[in-house]
PDB file of all heavy atoms in Angstrom:
ATOM      1  N   ASN A   1      92.402  99.652 113.149  1.00  0.00           N
ATOM      2  CA  ASN A   1      91.528  98.763 112.378  1.00  0.00           C
ATOM      3  C   ASN A   1      91.245  97.462 113.117  1.00  0.00           C
ATOM      4  O   ASN A   1      90.141  96.927 113.052  1.00  0.00           O
ATOM      5  CB  ASN A   1      92.127  98.484 111.005  1.00  0.00           C
ATOM      6  CG  ASN A   1      91.997  99.671 110.056  1.00  0.00           C
ATOM      7  OD1 ASN A   1      91.634 100.770 110.469  1.00  0.00           O
ATOM      8  ND2 ASN A   1      92.299  99.454 108.800  1.00  0.00           N
ATOM      9  N   LEU A   2      92.251  96.954 113.829  1.00  0.00           N
ATOM     10  CA  LEU A   2      92.045  95.767 114.659  1.00  0.00           C
ATOM     11  C   LEU A   2      90.991  96.053 115.725  1.00  0.00           C
ATOM     12  O   LEU A   2      90.079  95.248 115.949  1.00  0.00           O
ATOM     13  CB  LEU A   2      93.361  95.322 115.309  1.00  0.00           C
ATOM     14  CG  LEU A   2      93.267  94.177 116.312  1.00  0.00           C
ATOM     15  CD1 LEU A   2      92.696  92.911 115.669  1.00  0.00           C
ATOM     16  CD2 LEU A   2      94.635  93.901 116.922  1.00  0.00           C
ATOM     17  N   ALA A   3      91.081  97.217 116.359  1.00  0.00           N
ATOM     18  CA  ALA A   3      90.100  97.598 117.383  1.00  0.00           C
ATOM     19  C   ALA A   3      88.695  97.642 116.799  1.00  0.00           C
ATOM     20  O   ALA A   3      87.733  97.207 117.440  1.00  0.00           O
ATOM     21  CB  ALA A   3      90.471  98.956 117.981  1.00  0.00           C
ATOM     22  N   ASP A   4      88.571  98.143 115.586  1.00  0.00           N
ATOM     23  CA  ASP A   4      87.264  98.245 114.948  1.00  0.00           C
ATOM     24  C   ASP A   4      86.648  96.865 114.735  1.00  0.00           C
ATOM     25  O   ASP A   4      85.465  96.645 115.014  1.00  0.00           O
ATOM     26  CB  ASP A   4      87.406  99.003 113.626  1.00  0.00           C
ATOM     27  CG  ASP A   4      86.081  99.547 113.126  1.00  0.00           C
ATOM     28  OD1 ASP A   4      85.268 100.005 113.955  1.00  0.00           O
ATOM     29  OD2 ASP A   4      85.865  99.511 111.904  1.00  0.00           O
ATOM     30  N   ILE A   5      87.446  95.928 114.258  1.00  0.00           N
ATOM     31  CA  ILE A   5      86.949  94.552 114.068  1.00  0.00           C
ATOM     32  C   ILE A   5      86.561  93.933 115.414  1.00  0.00           C
ATOM     33  O   ILE A   5      85.530  93.270 115.524  1.00  0.00           O
ATOM     34  CB  ILE A   5      88.007  93.682 113.360  1.00  0.00           C
ATOM     35  CG1 ILE A   5      87.949  93.912 111.863  1.00  0.00           C
ATOM     36  CG2 ILE A   5      87.813  92.209 113.651  1.00  0.00           C
ATOM     37  CD1 ILE A   5      88.814  92.999 111.048  1.00  0.00           C
ATOM     38  N   LEU A   6      87.386  94.159 116.426  1.00  0.00           N
ATOM     39  CA  LEU A   6      87.096  93.597 117.749  1.00  0.00           C
ATOM     40  C   LEU A   6      85.811  94.182 118.318  1.00  0.00           C
ATOM     41  O   LEU A   6      84.991  93.462 118.893  1.00  0.00           O
ATOM     42  CB  LEU A   6      88.275  93.856 118.690  1.00  0.00           C
ATOM     43  CG  LEU A   6      89.575  93.136 118.324  1.00  0.00           C
ATOM     44  CD1 LEU A   6      90.738  93.683 119.136  1.00  0.00           C
ATOM     45  CD2 LEU A   6      89.434  91.637 118.516  1.00  0.00           C
ATOM     46  N   ASP A   7      85.623  95.487 118.143  1.00  0.00           N
ATOM     47  CA  ASP A   7      84.408  96.139 118.636  1.00  0.00           C
ATOM     48  C   ASP A   7      83.186  95.606 117.900  1.00  0.00           C
ATOM     49  O   ASP A   7      82.161  95.306 118.523  1.00  0.00           O
ATOM     50  CB  ASP A   7      84.528  97.657 118.473  1.00  0.00           C
ATOM     51  CG  ASP A   7      83.357  98.395 119.085  1.00  0.00           C
ATOM     52  OD1 ASP A   7      82.811  97.942 120.115  1.00  0.00           O
ATOM     53  OD2 ASP A   7      82.965  99.447 118.534  1.00  0.00           O
ATOM     54  N   GLU A   8      83.297  95.450 116.579  1.00  0.00           N
ATOM     55  CA  GLU A   8      82.180  94.889 115.807  1.00  0.00           C
ATOM     56  C   GLU A   8      81.832  93.481 116.275  1.00  0.00           C
ATOM     57  O   GLU A   8      80.675  93.069 116.217  1.00  0.00           O
ATOM     58  CB  GLU A   8      82.529  94.848 114.312  1.00  0.00           C
ATOM     59  CG  GLU A   8      82.500  96.190 113.636  1.00  0.00           C
ATOM     60  CD  GLU A   8      82.974  96.135 112.192  1.00  0.00           C
ATOM     61  OE1 GLU A   8      83.308  95.025 111.698  1.00  0.00           O
ATOM     62  OE2 GLU A   8      83.018  97.194 111.560  1.00  0.00           O
ATOM     63  N   GLY A   9      82.831  92.754 116.754  1.00  0.00           N
ATOM     64  CA  GLY A   9      82.614  91.396 117.245  1.00  0.00           C
ATOM     65  C   GLY A   9      82.173  91.334 118.693  1.00  0.00           C
ATOM     66  O   GLY A   9      82.069  90.256 119.271  1.00  0.00           O
ATOM     67  N   GLY A  10      81.935  92.497 119.308  1.00  0.00           N
ATOM     68  CA  GLY A  10      81.464  92.544 120.692  1.00  0.00           C
ATOM     69  C   GLY A  10      82.543  92.305 121.729  1.00  0.00           C
ATOM     70  O   GLY A  10      82.248  92.027 122.890  1.00  0.00           O
ATOM     71  N   ARG A  11      83.805  92.414 121.329  1.00  0.00           N
ATOM     72  CA  ARG A  11      84.906  92.205 122.274  1.00  0.00           C
ATOM     73  C   ARG A  11      85.463  93.557 122.721  1.00  0.00           C
ATOM     74  O   ARG A  11      86.538  93.991 122.320  1.00  0.00           O
ATOM     75  CB  ARG A  11      85.978  91.331 121.633  1.00  0.00           C
ATOM     76  CG  ARG A  11      85.447  89.921 121.382  1.00  0.00           C
ATOM     77  CD  ARG A  11      86.438  89.034 120.715  1.00  0.00           C
ATOM     78  NE  ARG A  11      86.488  89.376 119.293  1.00  0.00           N
ATOM     79  CZ  ARG A  11      87.454  88.986 118.471  1.00  0.00           C
ATOM     80  NH1 ARG A  11      88.456  88.265 118.918  1.00  0.00           N
ATOM     81  NH2 ARG A  11      87.419  89.320 117.203  1.00  0.00           N
ATOM     82  N   SER A  12      84.676  94.227 123.545  1.00  0.00           N
ATOM     83  CA  SER A  12      84.979  95.602 123.939  1.00  0.00           C
ATOM     84  C   SER A  12      86.309  95.738 124.664  1.00  0.00           C
ATOM     85  O   SER A  12      87.073  96.674 124.395  1.00  0.00           O
ATOM     86  CB  SER A  12      83.861  96.155 124.835  1.00  0.00           C
ATOM     87  OG  SER A  12      82.641  96.146 124.135  1.00  0.00           O
ATOM     88  N   ALA A  13      86.611  94.840 125.596  1.00  0.00           N
ATOM     89  CA  ALA A  13      87.866  94.948 126.354  1.00  0.00           C
ATOM     90  C   ALA A  13      89.066  94.846 125.415  1.00  0.00           C
ATOM     91  O   ALA A  13      90.033  95.618 125.543  1.00  0.00           O
ATOM     92  CB  ALA A  13      87.931  93.868 127.433  1.00  0.00           C
ATOM     93  N   ASP A  14      89.012  93.936 124.456  1.00  0.00           N
ATOM     94  CA  ASP A  14      90.103  93.799 123.491  1.00  0.00           C
ATOM     95  C   ASP A  14      90.183  95.016 122.583  1.00  0.00           C
ATOM     96  O   ASP A  14      91.277  95.460 122.215  1.00  0.00           O
ATOM     97  CB  ASP A  14      89.919  92.533 122.651  1.00  0.00           C
ATOM     98  CG  ASP A  14      90.085  91.253 123.465  1.00  0.00           C
ATOM     99  OD1 ASP A  14      90.764  91.298 124.512  1.00  0.00           O
ATOM    100  OD2 ASP A  14      89.530  90.223 123.049  1.00  0.00           O
ATOM    101  N   ALA A  15      89.020  95.565 122.207  1.00  0.00           N
ATOM    102  CA  ALA A  15      88.992  96.766 121.363  1.00  0.00           C
ATOM    103  C   ALA A  15      89.617  97.950 122.097  1.00  0.00           C
ATOM    104  O   ALA A  15      90.385  98.725 121.510  1.00  0.00           O
ATOM    105  CB  ALA A  15      87.560  97.082 120.948  1.00  0.00           C
ATOM    106  N   ILE A  16      89.306  98.081 123.373  1.00  0.00           N
ATOM    107  CA  ILE A  16      89.894  99.160 124.175  1.00  0.00           C
ATOM    108  C   ILE A  16      91.414  99.014 124.221  1.00  0.00           C
ATOM    109  O   ILE A  16      92.150  99.982 124.025  1.00  0.00           O
ATOM    110  CB  ILE A  16      89.286  99.184 125.602  1.00  0.00           C
ATOM    111  CG1 ILE A  16      87.846  99.703 125.539  1.00  0.00           C
ATOM    112  CG2 ILE A  16      90.130 100.024 126.552  1.00  0.00           C
ATOM    113  CD1 ILE A  16      87.074  99.545 126.830  1.00  0.00           C
ATOM    114  N   ALA A  17      91.877  97.804 124.447  1.00  0.00           N
ATOM    115  CA  ALA A  17      93.336  97.564 124.502  1.00  0.00           C
ATOM    116  C   ALA A  17      93.992  97.921 123.164  1.00  0.00           C
ATOM    117  O   ALA A  17      95.073  98.523 123.128  1.00  0.00           O
ATOM    118  CB  ALA A  17      93.623  96.118 124.872  1.00  0.00           C
ATOM    119  N   ALA A  18      93.349  97.579 122.055  1.00  0.00           N
ATOM    120  CA  ALA A  18      93.908  97.887 120.739  1.00  0.00           C
ATOM    121  C   ALA A  18      93.910  99.391 120.485  1.00  0.00           C
ATOM    122  O   ALA A  18      94.879  99.937 119.944  1.00  0.00           O
ATOM    123  CB  ALA A  18      93.133  97.151 119.645  1.00  0.00           C
ATOM    124  N   LEU A  19      92.854 100.085 120.886  1.00  0.00           N
ATOM    125  CA  LEU A  19      92.820 101.541 120.723  1.00  0.00           C
ATOM    126  C   LEU A  19      93.878 102.210 121.589  1.00  0.00           C
ATOM    127  O   LEU A  19      94.530 103.173 121.163  1.00  0.00           O
ATOM    128  CB  LEU A  19      91.425 102.089 121.048  1.00  0.00           C
ATOM    129  CG  LEU A  19      90.358 101.821 119.988  1.00  0.00           C
ATOM    130  CD1 LEU A  19      88.973 102.134 120.513  1.00  0.00           C
ATOM    131  CD2 LEU A  19      90.651 102.612 118.716  1.00  0.00           C
ATOM    132  N   GLU A  20      94.062 101.705 122.788  1.00  0.00           N
ATOM    133  CA  GLU A  20      95.121 102.249 123.652  1.00  0.00           C
ATOM    134  C   GLU A  20      96.495 102.034 123.029  1.00  0.00           C
ATOM    135  O   GLU A  20      97.371 102.895 123.116  1.00  0.00           O
ATOM    136  CB  GLU A  20      95.027 101.649 125.052  1.00  0.00           C
ATOM    137  CG  GLU A  20      93.834 102.203 125.822  1.00  0.00           C
ATOM    138  CD  GLU A  20      93.568 101.505 127.157  1.00  0.00           C
ATOM    139  OE1 GLU A  20      94.079 100.381 127.367  1.00  0.00           O
ATOM    140  OE2 GLU A  20      92.834 102.092 127.970  1.00  0.00           O
ATOM    141  N   ALA A  21      96.696 100.893 122.379  1.00  0.00           N
ATOM    142  CA  ALA A  21      97.964 100.632 121.688  1.00  0.00           C
ATOM    143  C   ALA A  21      98.137 101.591 120.509  1.00  0.00           C
ATOM    144  O   ALA A  21      99.253 102.075 120.256  1.00  0.00           O
ATOM    145  CB  ALA A  21      98.028  99.182 121.219  1.00  0.00           C
ATOM    146  N   ALA A  22      97.058 101.890 119.801  1.00  0.00           N
ATOM    147  CA  ALA A  22      97.120 102.848 118.684  1.00  0.00           C
ATOM    148  C   ALA A  22      97.515 104.225 119.196  1.00  0.00           C
ATOM    149  O   ALA A  22      98.352 104.911 118.598  1.00  0.00           O
ATOM    150  CB  ALA A  22      95.776 102.913 117.958  1.00  0.00           C
ATOM    151  N   ILE A  23      96.932 104.619 120.329  1.00  0.00           N
ATOM    152  CA  ILE A  23      97.234 105.938 120.909  1.00  0.00           C
ATOM    153  C   ILE A  23      98.649 105.969 121.478  1.00  0.00           C
ATOM    154  O   ILE A  23      99.354 106.981 121.376  1.00  0.00           O
ATOM    155  CB  ILE A  23      96.171 106.302 121.980  1.00  0.00           C
ATOM    156  CG1 ILE A  23      94.808 106.476 121.293  1.00  0.00           C
ATOM    157  CG2 ILE A  23      96.574 107.561 122.738  1.00  0.00           C
ATOM    158  CD1 ILE A  23      93.629 106.478 122.247  1.00  0.00           C
ATOM    159  N   LYS A  24      99.100 104.863 122.018  1.00  0.00           N
ATOM    160  CA  LYS A  24     100.488 104.792 122.492  1.00  0.00           C
ATOM    161  C   LYS A  24     101.450 104.964 121.320  1.00  0.00           C
ATOM    162  O   LYS A  24     102.464 105.652 121.423  1.00  0.00           O
ATOM    163  CB  LYS A  24     100.737 103.455 123.195  1.00  0.00           C
ATOM    164  CG  LYS A  24     102.136 103.309 123.743  1.00  0.00           C
ATOM    165  CD  LYS A  24     102.337 101.968 124.432  1.00  0.00           C
ATOM    166  CE  LYS A  24     103.778 101.845 124.916  1.00  0.00           C
ATOM    167  NZ  LYS A  24     104.047 100.516 125.436  1.00  0.00           N
ATOM    168  N   ALA A  25     101.109 104.359 120.178  1.00  0.00           N
ATOM    169  CA  ALA A  25     101.946 104.468 118.978  1.00  0.00           C
ATOM    170  C   ALA A  25     101.907 105.881 118.400  1.00  0.00           C
ATOM    171  O   ALA A  25     102.905 106.366 117.874  1.00  0.00           O
ATOM    172  CB  ALA A  25     101.499 103.457 117.930  1.00  0.00           C
ATOM    173  N   ASP A  26     100.755 106.532 118.502  1.00  0.00           N
ATOM    174  CA  ASP A  26     100.588 107.893 117.981  1.00  0.00           C
ATOM    175  C   ASP A  26      99.681 108.665 118.942  1.00  0.00           C
ATOM    176  O   ASP A  26      98.456 108.620 118.822  1.00  0.00           O
ATOM    177  CB  ASP A  26      99.978 107.857 116.584  1.00  0.00           C
ATOM    178  CG  ASP A  26      99.779 109.245 115.977  1.00  0.00           C
ATOM    179  OD1 ASP A  26     100.099 110.258 116.642  1.00  0.00           O
ATOM    180  OD2 ASP A  26      99.299 109.321 114.834  1.00  0.00           O
ATOM    181  N   PRO A  27     100.272 109.364 119.923  1.00  0.00           N
ATOM    182  CA  PRO A  27      99.478 110.046 120.955  1.00  0.00           C
ATOM    183  C   PRO A  27      98.481 111.076 120.426  1.00  0.00           C
ATOM    184  O   PRO A  27      97.523 111.416 121.116  1.00  0.00           O
ATOM    185  CB  PRO A  27     100.537 110.718 121.832  1.00  0.00           C
ATOM    186  CG  PRO A  27     101.774 109.912 121.614  1.00  0.00           C
ATOM    187  CD  PRO A  27     101.711 109.463 120.183  1.00  0.00           C
ATOM    188  N   ASP A  28      98.677 111.567 119.227  1.00  0.00           N
ATOM    189  CA  ASP A  28      97.765 112.555 118.647  1.00  0.00           C
ATOM    190  C   ASP A  28      96.826 111.952 117.605  1.00  0.00           C
ATOM    191  O   ASP A  28      96.274 112.671 116.762  1.00  0.00           O
ATOM    192  CB  ASP A  28      98.561 113.704 118.014  1.00  0.00           C
ATOM    193  CG  ASP A  28      99.308 114.515 119.059  1.00  0.00           C
ATOM    194  OD1 ASP A  28      98.877 114.523 120.236  1.00  0.00           O
ATOM    195  OD2 ASP A  28     100.326 115.133 118.709  1.00  0.00           O
ATOM    196  N   TYR A  29      96.614 110.666 117.647  1.00  0.00           N
ATOM    197  CA  TYR A  29      95.747 109.979 116.684  1.00  0.00           C
ATOM    198  C   TYR A  29      94.296 110.247 117.092  1.00  0.00           C
ATOM    199  O   TYR A  29      93.678 109.509 117.855  1.00  0.00           O
ATOM    200  CB  TYR A  29      96.074 108.497 116.696  1.00  0.00           C
ATOM    201  CG  TYR A  29      95.497 107.679 115.573  1.00  0.00           C
ATOM    202  CD1 TYR A  29      95.876 106.362 115.407  1.00  0.00           C
ATOM    203  CD2 TYR A  29      94.573 108.193 114.671  1.00  0.00           C
ATOM    204  CE1 TYR A  29      95.371 105.570 114.386  1.00  0.00           C
ATOM    205  CE2 TYR A  29      94.052 107.426 113.648  1.00  0.00           C
ATOM    206  CZ  TYR A  29      94.460 106.116 113.511  1.00  0.00           C
ATOM    207  OH  TYR A  29      93.942 105.344 112.505  1.00  0.00           O
ATOM    208  N   ALA A  30      93.739 111.312 116.527  1.00  0.00           N
ATOM    209  CA  ALA A  30      92.425 111.799 116.936  1.00  0.00           C
ATOM    210  C   ALA A  30      91.323 110.763 116.743  1.00  0.00           C
ATOM    211  O   ALA A  30      90.450 110.607 117.614  1.00  0.00           O
ATOM    212  CB  ALA A  30      92.090 113.079 116.178  1.00  0.00           C
ATOM    213  N   ASP A  31      91.327 110.047 115.626  1.00  0.00           N
ATOM    214  CA  ASP A  31      90.267 109.050 115.382  1.00  0.00           C
ATOM    215  C   ASP A  31      90.279 107.955 116.439  1.00  0.00           C
ATOM    216  O   ASP A  31      89.228 107.502 116.897  1.00  0.00           O
ATOM    217  CB  ASP A  31      90.423 108.430 113.998  1.00  0.00           C
ATOM    218  CG  ASP A  31      90.093 109.403 112.876  1.00  0.00           C
ATOM    219  OD1 ASP A  31      89.512 110.481 113.164  1.00  0.00           O
ATOM    220  OD2 ASP A  31      90.406 109.096 111.717  1.00  0.00           O
ATOM    221  N   ALA A  32      91.475 107.524 116.833  1.00  0.00           N
ATOM    222  CA  ALA A  32      91.575 106.479 117.859  1.00  0.00           C
ATOM    223  C   ALA A  32      91.080 107.013 119.205  1.00  0.00           C
ATOM    224  O   ALA A  32      90.386 106.301 119.942  1.00  0.00           O
ATOM    225  CB  ALA A  32      93.006 105.982 117.973  1.00  0.00           C
TER     226      ALA A  32
END
C-alpha cells in the first residue's frame, strides 16, 4: 500500500523499493 501511494505521487524509485520490500517479506505476493 505504501508503494501504491508513492507511485501515485510520481515517486517511482521509492515505489519500486517498497514493492521489493513487500516481495522480500512475502516472496509469493503475486499482486506486488
